[in-house]
Structure formats: structure tokens, C-alpha cells
PDB file of all heavy atoms in Angstrom:
ATOM      1  N   GLY A   1     -71.370 -29.947 -32.332  1.00  0.00           N
ATOM      2  CA  GLY A   1     -71.997 -31.242 -32.504  1.00  0.00           C
ATOM      3  C   GLY A   1     -71.763 -31.868 -33.865  1.00  0.00           C
ATOM      4  O   GLY A   1     -72.439 -32.827 -34.236  1.00  0.00           O
ATOM      5  N   ARG A   2     -70.806 -31.332 -34.591  1.00  0.00           N
ATOM      6  CA  ARG A   2     -70.500 -31.883 -35.919  1.00  0.00           C
ATOM      7  C   ARG A   2     -69.095 -31.471 -36.327  1.00  0.00           C
ATOM      8  O   ARG A   2     -68.472 -30.630 -35.695  1.00  0.00           O
ATOM      9  CB  ARG A   2     -71.507 -31.410 -36.959  1.00  0.00           C
ATOM     10  CG  ARG A   2     -71.478 -29.927 -37.210  1.00  0.00           C
ATOM     11  CD  ARG A   2     -72.563 -29.479 -38.191  1.00  0.00           C
ATOM     12  NE  ARG A   2     -72.441 -28.055 -38.451  1.00  0.00           N
ATOM     13  CZ  ARG A   2     -71.644 -27.520 -39.358  1.00  0.00           C
ATOM     14  NH1 ARG A   2     -70.892 -28.290 -40.107  1.00  0.00           N
ATOM     15  NH2 ARG A   2     -71.582 -26.225 -39.530  1.00  0.00           N
ATOM     16  N   VAL A   3     -68.628 -32.084 -37.412  1.00  0.00           N
ATOM     17  CA  VAL A   3     -67.324 -31.743 -37.980  1.00  0.00           C
ATOM     18  C   VAL A   3     -67.581 -31.127 -39.353  1.00  0.00           C
ATOM     19  O   VAL A   3     -67.867 -31.843 -40.315  1.00  0.00           O
ATOM     20  CB  VAL A   3     -66.419 -32.993 -38.098  1.00  0.00           C
ATOM     21  CG1 VAL A   3     -65.084 -32.629 -38.726  1.00  0.00           C
ATOM     22  CG2 VAL A   3     -66.227 -33.637 -36.744  1.00  0.00           C
ATOM     23  N   GLY A   4     -67.498 -29.823 -39.403  1.00  0.00           N
ATOM     24  CA  GLY A   4     -67.734 -29.120 -40.663  1.00  0.00           C
ATOM     25  C   GLY A   4     -66.503 -29.132 -41.557  1.00  0.00           C
ATOM     26  O   GLY A   4     -65.465 -29.719 -41.226  1.00  0.00           O
ATOM     27  N   VAL A   5     -66.617 -28.452 -42.671  1.00  0.00           N
ATOM     28  CA  VAL A   5     -65.530 -28.407 -43.656  1.00  0.00           C
ATOM     29  C   VAL A   5     -64.275 -27.780 -43.055  1.00  0.00           C
ATOM     30  O   VAL A   5     -63.167 -28.316 -43.188  1.00  0.00           O
ATOM     31  CB  VAL A   5     -65.983 -27.630 -44.919  1.00  0.00           C
ATOM     32  CG1 VAL A   5     -64.833 -27.435 -45.885  1.00  0.00           C
ATOM     33  CG2 VAL A   5     -67.145 -28.336 -45.583  1.00  0.00           C
ATOM     34  N   ARG A   6     -64.425 -26.648 -42.383  1.00  0.00           N
ATOM     35  CA  ARG A   6     -63.264 -25.970 -41.789  1.00  0.00           C
ATOM     36  C   ARG A   6     -62.624 -26.848 -40.720  1.00  0.00           C
ATOM     37  O   ARG A   6     -61.397 -27.002 -40.670  1.00  0.00           O
ATOM     38  CB  ARG A   6     -63.680 -24.630 -41.185  1.00  0.00           C
ATOM     39  CG  ARG A   6     -62.497 -23.858 -40.569  1.00  0.00           C
ATOM     40  CD  ARG A   6     -62.946 -22.633 -39.813  1.00  0.00           C
ATOM     41  NE  ARG A   6     -63.852 -22.917 -38.722  1.00  0.00           N
ATOM     42  CZ  ARG A   6     -63.461 -23.356 -37.508  1.00  0.00           C
ATOM     43  NH1 ARG A   6     -62.192 -23.568 -37.247  1.00  0.00           N
ATOM     44  NH2 ARG A   6     -64.355 -23.580 -36.565  1.00  0.00           N
ATOM     45  N   MET A   7     -63.449 -27.448 -39.889  1.00  0.00           N
ATOM     46  CA  MET A   7     -62.937 -28.306 -38.826  1.00  0.00           C
ATOM     47  C   MET A   7     -62.203 -29.509 -39.414  1.00  0.00           C
ATOM     48  O   MET A   7     -61.130 -29.888 -38.938  1.00  0.00           O
ATOM     49  CB  MET A   7     -64.099 -28.786 -37.949  1.00  0.00           C
ATOM     50  CG  MET A   7     -63.690 -29.672 -36.824  1.00  0.00           C
ATOM     51  SD  MET A   7     -62.760 -28.834 -35.545  1.00  0.00           S
ATOM     52  CE  MET A   7     -63.921 -27.580 -35.086  1.00  0.00           C
ATOM     53  N   ARG A   8     -62.756 -30.107 -40.430  1.00  0.00           N
ATOM     54  CA  ARG A   8     -62.122 -31.252 -41.090  1.00  0.00           C
ATOM     55  C   ARG A   8     -60.760 -30.832 -41.655  1.00  0.00           C
ATOM     56  O   ARG A   8     -59.771 -31.555 -41.515  1.00  0.00           O
ATOM     57  CB  ARG A   8     -63.023 -31.780 -42.206  1.00  0.00           C
ATOM     58  CG  ARG A   8     -62.583 -33.113 -42.762  1.00  0.00           C
ATOM     59  CD  ARG A   8     -63.563 -33.688 -43.784  1.00  0.00           C
ATOM     60  NE  ARG A   8     -64.937 -33.758 -43.267  1.00  0.00           N
ATOM     61  CZ  ARG A   8     -65.951 -33.031 -43.748  1.00  0.00           C
ATOM     62  NH1 ARG A   8     -65.773 -32.204 -44.745  1.00  0.00           N
ATOM     63  NH2 ARG A   8     -67.153 -33.153 -43.230  1.00  0.00           N
ATOM     64  N   ARG A   9     -60.705 -29.653 -42.268  1.00  0.00           N
ATOM     65  CA  ARG A   9     -59.445 -29.158 -42.831  1.00  0.00           C
ATOM     66  C   ARG A   9     -58.410 -28.941 -41.722  1.00  0.00           C
ATOM     67  O   ARG A   9     -57.258 -29.354 -41.835  1.00  0.00           O
ATOM     68  CB  ARG A   9     -59.679 -27.860 -43.601  1.00  0.00           C
ATOM     69  CG  ARG A   9     -58.405 -27.273 -44.196  1.00  0.00           C
ATOM     70  CD  ARG A   9     -58.650 -25.997 -45.009  1.00  0.00           C
ATOM     71  NE  ARG A   9     -59.707 -25.126 -44.548  1.00  0.00           N
ATOM     72  CZ  ARG A   9     -59.591 -24.223 -43.553  1.00  0.00           C
ATOM     73  NH1 ARG A   9     -58.448 -24.094 -42.917  1.00  0.00           N
ATOM     74  NH2 ARG A   9     -60.603 -23.458 -43.211  1.00  0.00           N
ATOM     75  N   GLU A  10     -58.821 -28.308 -40.631  1.00  0.00           N
ATOM     76  CA  GLU A  10     -57.891 -28.038 -39.534  1.00  0.00           C
ATOM     77  C   GLU A  10     -57.402 -29.320 -38.866  1.00  0.00           C
ATOM     78  O   GLU A  10     -56.224 -29.437 -38.524  1.00  0.00           O
ATOM     79  CB  GLU A  10     -58.538 -27.108 -38.511  1.00  0.00           C
ATOM     80  CG  GLU A  10     -58.700 -25.696 -39.026  1.00  0.00           C
ATOM     81  CD  GLU A  10     -59.286 -24.753 -37.993  1.00  0.00           C
ATOM     82  OE1 GLU A  10     -59.172 -25.029 -36.788  1.00  0.00           O
ATOM     83  OE2 GLU A  10     -59.866 -23.728 -38.416  1.00  0.00           O
ATOM     84  N   LEU A  11     -58.299 -30.269 -38.681  1.00  0.00           N
ATOM     85  CA  LEU A  11     -57.887 -31.558 -38.099  1.00  0.00           C
ATOM     86  C   LEU A  11     -56.923 -32.293 -39.022  1.00  0.00           C
ATOM     87  O   LEU A  11     -55.933 -32.876 -38.568  1.00  0.00           O
ATOM     88  CB  LEU A  11     -59.104 -32.435 -37.819  1.00  0.00           C
ATOM     89  CG  LEU A  11     -59.823 -32.167 -36.504  1.00  0.00           C
ATOM     90  CD1 LEU A  11     -61.148 -32.903 -36.474  1.00  0.00           C
ATOM     91  CD2 LEU A  11     -58.961 -32.571 -35.327  1.00  0.00           C
ATOM     92  N   THR A  12     -57.204 -32.264 -40.312  1.00  0.00           N
ATOM     93  CA  THR A  12     -56.324 -32.923 -41.282  1.00  0.00           C
ATOM     94  C   THR A  12     -54.943 -32.275 -41.273  1.00  0.00           C
ATOM     95  O   THR A  12     -53.923 -32.978 -41.277  1.00  0.00           O
ATOM     96  CB  THR A  12     -56.945 -32.860 -42.692  1.00  0.00           C
ATOM     97  OG1 THR A  12     -58.211 -33.514 -42.652  1.00  0.00           O
ATOM     98  CG2 THR A  12     -56.053 -33.526 -43.723  1.00  0.00           C
ATOM     99  N   GLU A  13     -54.906 -30.953 -41.239  1.00  0.00           N
ATOM    100  CA  GLU A  13     -53.617 -30.250 -41.183  1.00  0.00           C
ATOM    101  C   GLU A  13     -52.852 -30.621 -39.920  1.00  0.00           C
ATOM    102  O   GLU A  13     -51.638 -30.852 -39.955  1.00  0.00           O
ATOM    103  CB  GLU A  13     -53.838 -28.744 -41.251  1.00  0.00           C
ATOM    104  CG  GLU A  13     -54.282 -28.251 -42.610  1.00  0.00           C
ATOM    105  CD  GLU A  13     -54.678 -26.778 -42.627  1.00  0.00           C
ATOM    106  OE1 GLU A  13     -54.547 -26.107 -41.570  1.00  0.00           O
ATOM    107  OE2 GLU A  13     -55.124 -26.302 -43.683  1.00  0.00           O
ATOM    108  N   LEU A  14     -53.560 -30.701 -38.797  1.00  0.00           N
ATOM    109  CA  LEU A  14     -52.917 -31.071 -37.546  1.00  0.00           C
ATOM    110  C   LEU A  14     -52.358 -32.492 -37.614  1.00  0.00           C
ATOM    111  O   LEU A  14     -51.223 -32.753 -37.202  1.00  0.00           O
ATOM    112  CB  LEU A  14     -53.907 -30.943 -36.381  1.00  0.00           C
ATOM    113  CG  LEU A  14     -53.395 -31.359 -35.007  1.00  0.00           C
ATOM    114  CD1 LEU A  14     -52.201 -30.508 -34.589  1.00  0.00           C
ATOM    115  CD2 LEU A  14     -54.512 -31.267 -33.978  1.00  0.00           C
ATOM    116  N   LEU A  15     -53.138 -33.411 -38.151  1.00  0.00           N
ATOM    117  CA  LEU A  15     -52.671 -34.798 -38.269  1.00  0.00           C
ATOM    118  C   LEU A  15     -51.413 -34.903 -39.117  1.00  0.00           C
ATOM    119  O   LEU A  15     -50.536 -35.717 -38.835  1.00  0.00           O
ATOM    120  CB  LEU A  15     -53.778 -35.679 -38.853  1.00  0.00           C
ATOM    121  CG  LEU A  15     -54.972 -35.917 -37.941  1.00  0.00           C
ATOM    122  CD1 LEU A  15     -56.077 -36.651 -38.698  1.00  0.00           C
ATOM    123  CD2 LEU A  15     -54.573 -36.672 -36.690  1.00  0.00           C
ATOM    124  N   HIS A  16     -51.310 -34.055 -40.135  1.00  0.00           N
ATOM    125  CA  HIS A  16     -50.134 -34.100 -41.012  1.00  0.00           C
ATOM    126  C   HIS A  16     -48.864 -33.611 -40.329  1.00  0.00           C
ATOM    127  O   HIS A  16     -47.771 -34.041 -40.699  1.00  0.00           O
ATOM    128  CB  HIS A  16     -50.379 -33.303 -42.295  1.00  0.00           C
ATOM    129  CG  HIS A  16     -51.237 -34.015 -43.277  1.00  0.00           C
ATOM    130  ND1 HIS A  16     -50.852 -35.166 -43.916  1.00  0.00           N
ATOM    131  CD2 HIS A  16     -52.486 -33.746 -43.725  1.00  0.00           C
ATOM    132  CE1 HIS A  16     -51.807 -35.578 -44.715  1.00  0.00           C
ATOM    133  NE2 HIS A  16     -52.824 -34.743 -44.621  1.00  0.00           N
ATOM    134  N   VAL A  17     -49.000 -32.738 -39.334  1.00  0.00           N
ATOM    135  CA  VAL A  17     -47.789 -32.212 -38.687  1.00  0.00           C
ATOM    136  C   VAL A  17     -47.403 -32.979 -37.427  1.00  0.00           C
ATOM    137  O   VAL A  17     -46.309 -32.784 -36.911  1.00  0.00           O
ATOM    138  CB  VAL A  17     -47.914 -30.696 -38.366  1.00  0.00           C
ATOM    139  CG1 VAL A  17     -48.083 -29.894 -39.629  1.00  0.00           C
ATOM    140  CG2 VAL A  17     -49.025 -30.421 -37.378  1.00  0.00           C
ATOM    141  N   LEU A  18     -48.280 -33.843 -36.943  1.00  0.00           N
ATOM    142  CA  LEU A  18     -47.930 -34.629 -35.755  1.00  0.00           C
ATOM    143  C   LEU A  18     -46.853 -35.662 -36.110  1.00  0.00           C
ATOM    144  O   LEU A  18     -46.989 -36.389 -37.090  1.00  0.00           O
ATOM    145  CB  LEU A  18     -49.160 -35.351 -35.202  1.00  0.00           C
ATOM    146  CG  LEU A  18     -50.234 -34.471 -34.584  1.00  0.00           C
ATOM    147  CD1 LEU A  18     -51.430 -35.319 -34.168  1.00  0.00           C
ATOM    148  CD2 LEU A  18     -49.699 -33.697 -33.392  1.00  0.00           C
ATOM    149  N   PRO A  19     -45.792 -35.735 -35.318  1.00  0.00           N
ATOM    150  CA  PRO A  19     -44.709 -36.669 -35.620  1.00  0.00           C
ATOM    151  C   PRO A  19     -44.984 -38.085 -35.120  1.00  0.00           C
ATOM    152  O   PRO A  19     -44.161 -38.690 -34.435  1.00  0.00           O
ATOM    153  CB  PRO A  19     -43.510 -36.027 -34.911  1.00  0.00           C
ATOM    154  CG  PRO A  19     -44.109 -35.330 -33.740  1.00  0.00           C
ATOM    155  CD  PRO A  19     -45.453 -34.841 -34.206  1.00  0.00           C
ATOM    156  N   ALA A  20     -46.130 -38.624 -35.473  1.00  0.00           N
ATOM    157  CA  ALA A  20     -46.516 -39.951 -34.982  1.00  0.00           C
ATOM    158  C   ALA A  20     -45.579 -41.040 -35.498  1.00  0.00           C
ATOM    159  O   ALA A  20     -45.219 -41.958 -34.755  1.00  0.00           O
ATOM    160  CB  ALA A  20     -47.956 -40.254 -35.367  1.00  0.00           C
ATOM    161  N   MET A  21     -45.202 -40.965 -36.759  1.00  0.00           N
ATOM    162  CA  MET A  21     -44.301 -41.983 -37.308  1.00  0.00           C
ATOM    163  C   MET A  21     -42.933 -41.893 -36.644  1.00  0.00           C
ATOM    164  O   MET A  21     -42.304 -42.914 -36.375  1.00  0.00           O
ATOM    165  CB  MET A  21     -44.182 -41.838 -38.826  1.00  0.00           C
ATOM    166  CG  MET A  21     -45.515 -42.021 -39.556  1.00  0.00           C
ATOM    167  SD  MET A  21     -46.316 -43.588 -39.206  1.00  0.00           S
ATOM    168  CE  MET A  21     -45.331 -44.668 -40.194  1.00  0.00           C
ATOM    169  N   SER A  22     -42.482 -40.687 -36.373  1.00  0.00           N
ATOM    170  CA  SER A  22     -41.206 -40.520 -35.674  1.00  0.00           C
ATOM    171  C   SER A  22     -41.284 -41.113 -34.280  1.00  0.00           C
ATOM    172  O   SER A  22     -40.338 -41.754 -33.813  1.00  0.00           O
ATOM    173  CB  SER A  22     -40.837 -39.038 -35.573  1.00  0.00           C
ATOM    174  OG  SER A  22     -40.583 -38.503 -36.830  1.00  0.00           O
ATOM    175  N   LEU A  23     -42.413 -40.905 -33.607  1.00  0.00           N
ATOM    176  CA  LEU A  23     -42.580 -41.442 -32.267  1.00  0.00           C
ATOM    177  C   LEU A  23     -42.448 -42.961 -32.291  1.00  0.00           C
ATOM    178  O   LEU A  23     -41.695 -43.542 -31.504  1.00  0.00           O
ATOM    179  CB  LEU A  23     -43.939 -41.036 -31.696  1.00  0.00           C
ATOM    180  CG  LEU A  23     -44.263 -41.558 -30.303  1.00  0.00           C
ATOM    181  CD1 LEU A  23     -43.288 -40.997 -29.274  1.00  0.00           C
ATOM    182  CD2 LEU A  23     -45.689 -41.213 -29.927  1.00  0.00           C
ATOM    183  N   HIS A  24     -43.120 -43.591 -33.199  1.00  0.00           N
ATOM    184  CA  HIS A  24     -43.057 -45.056 -33.301  1.00  0.00           C
ATOM    185  C   HIS A  24     -41.633 -45.509 -33.617  1.00  0.00           C
ATOM    186  O   HIS A  24     -41.112 -46.436 -32.988  1.00  0.00           O
ATOM    187  CB  HIS A  24     -44.036 -45.552 -34.372  1.00  0.00           C
ATOM    188  CG  HIS A  24     -44.068 -47.028 -34.487  1.00  0.00           C
ATOM    189  ND1 HIS A  24     -43.309 -47.709 -35.405  1.00  0.00           N
ATOM    190  CD2 HIS A  24     -44.725 -47.966 -33.771  1.00  0.00           C
ATOM    191  CE1 HIS A  24     -43.508 -49.000 -35.258  1.00  0.00           C
ATOM    192  NE2 HIS A  24     -44.368 -49.186 -34.278  1.00  0.00           N
ATOM    193  N   ALA A  25     -40.998 -44.857 -34.566  1.00  0.00           N
ATOM    194  CA  ALA A  25     -39.640 -45.246 -34.959  1.00  0.00           C
ATOM    195  C   ALA A  25     -38.654 -45.071 -33.800  1.00  0.00           C
ATOM    196  O   ALA A  25     -37.786 -45.918 -33.586  1.00  0.00           O
ATOM    197  CB  ALA A  25     -39.194 -44.428 -36.168  1.00  0.00           C
ATOM    198  N   GLU A  26     -38.790 -43.989 -33.056  1.00  0.00           N
ATOM    199  CA  GLU A  26     -37.865 -43.750 -31.945  1.00  0.00           C
ATOM    200  C   GLU A  26     -38.085 -44.725 -30.800  1.00  0.00           C
ATOM    201  O   GLU A  26     -37.138 -45.158 -30.148  1.00  0.00           O
ATOM    202  CB  GLU A  26     -37.960 -42.292 -31.487  1.00  0.00           C
ATOM    203  CG  GLU A  26     -37.310 -41.384 -32.515  1.00  0.00           C
ATOM    204  CD  GLU A  26     -37.748 -39.950 -32.417  1.00  0.00           C
ATOM    205  OE1 GLU A  26     -38.467 -39.596 -31.472  1.00  0.00           O
ATOM    206  OE2 GLU A  26     -37.378 -39.186 -33.322  1.00  0.00           O
ATOM    207  N   ILE A  27     -39.335 -45.096 -30.550  1.00  0.00           N
ATOM    208  CA  ILE A  27     -39.607 -46.101 -29.522  1.00  0.00           C
ATOM    209  C   ILE A  27     -38.997 -47.442 -29.936  1.00  0.00           C
ATOM    210  O   ILE A  27     -38.336 -48.111 -29.135  1.00  0.00           O
ATOM    211  CB  ILE A  27     -41.119 -46.227 -29.258  1.00  0.00           C
ATOM    212  CG1 ILE A  27     -41.621 -44.979 -28.525  1.00  0.00           C
ATOM    213  CG2 ILE A  27     -41.437 -47.487 -28.454  1.00  0.00           C
ATOM    214  CD1 ILE A  27     -43.125 -44.889 -28.393  1.00  0.00           C
ATOM    215  N   GLU A  28     -39.196 -47.828 -31.189  1.00  0.00           N
ATOM    216  CA  GLU A  28     -38.623 -49.087 -31.681  1.00  0.00           C
ATOM    217  C   GLU A  28     -37.094 -49.057 -31.619  1.00  0.00           C
ATOM    218  O   GLU A  28     -36.464 -50.042 -31.231  1.00  0.00           O
ATOM    219  CB  GLU A  28     -39.097 -49.358 -33.112  1.00  0.00           C
ATOM    220  CG  GLU A  28     -40.558 -49.728 -33.208  1.00  0.00           C
ATOM    221  CD  GLU A  28     -40.891 -51.013 -32.464  1.00  0.00           C
ATOM    222  OE1 GLU A  28     -40.116 -51.983 -32.560  1.00  0.00           O
ATOM    223  OE2 GLU A  28     -41.922 -51.022 -31.764  1.00  0.00           O
ATOM    224  N   ALA A  29     -36.491 -47.934 -31.984  1.00  0.00           N
ATOM    225  CA  ALA A  29     -35.034 -47.819 -31.954  1.00  0.00           C
ATOM    226  C   ALA A  29     -34.517 -47.926 -30.524  1.00  0.00           C
ATOM    227  O   ALA A  29     -33.490 -48.571 -30.270  1.00  0.00           O
ATOM    228  CB  ALA A  29     -34.601 -46.499 -32.586  1.00  0.00           C
ATOM    229  N   LEU A  30     -35.223 -47.314 -29.586  1.00  0.00           N
ATOM    230  CA  LEU A  30     -34.796 -47.385 -28.192  1.00  0.00           C
ATOM    231  C   LEU A  30     -34.920 -48.810 -27.668  1.00  0.00           C
ATOM    232  O   LEU A  30     -34.020 -49.309 -26.986  1.00  0.00           O
ATOM    233  CB  LEU A  30     -35.602 -46.401 -27.335  1.00  0.00           C
ATOM    234  CG  LEU A  30     -35.220 -46.313 -25.858  1.00  0.00           C
ATOM    235  CD1 LEU A  30     -33.728 -46.080 -25.661  1.00  0.00           C
ATOM    236  CD2 LEU A  30     -36.038 -45.227 -25.185  1.00  0.00           C
TER     237      LEU A  30
END
């Protein structure tokens, strides 16, 4: 029912490795 320190750290780490910018760039290129 909350986002603790560990959870915040893990979510932040996950967000950093997701290739979201690549996804956008590849869609635009296509």
C-alpha cells in the first residue's frame, strides 16, 4: 500500500534500463 525506499530505488533502476527513448526514435524512423 505504499512505495518505500527500496521500492522507489528498484522502480528508478527499472525506468533507467527501459529503452523508451529508443522505442520512440525507432517508431519515428519507421
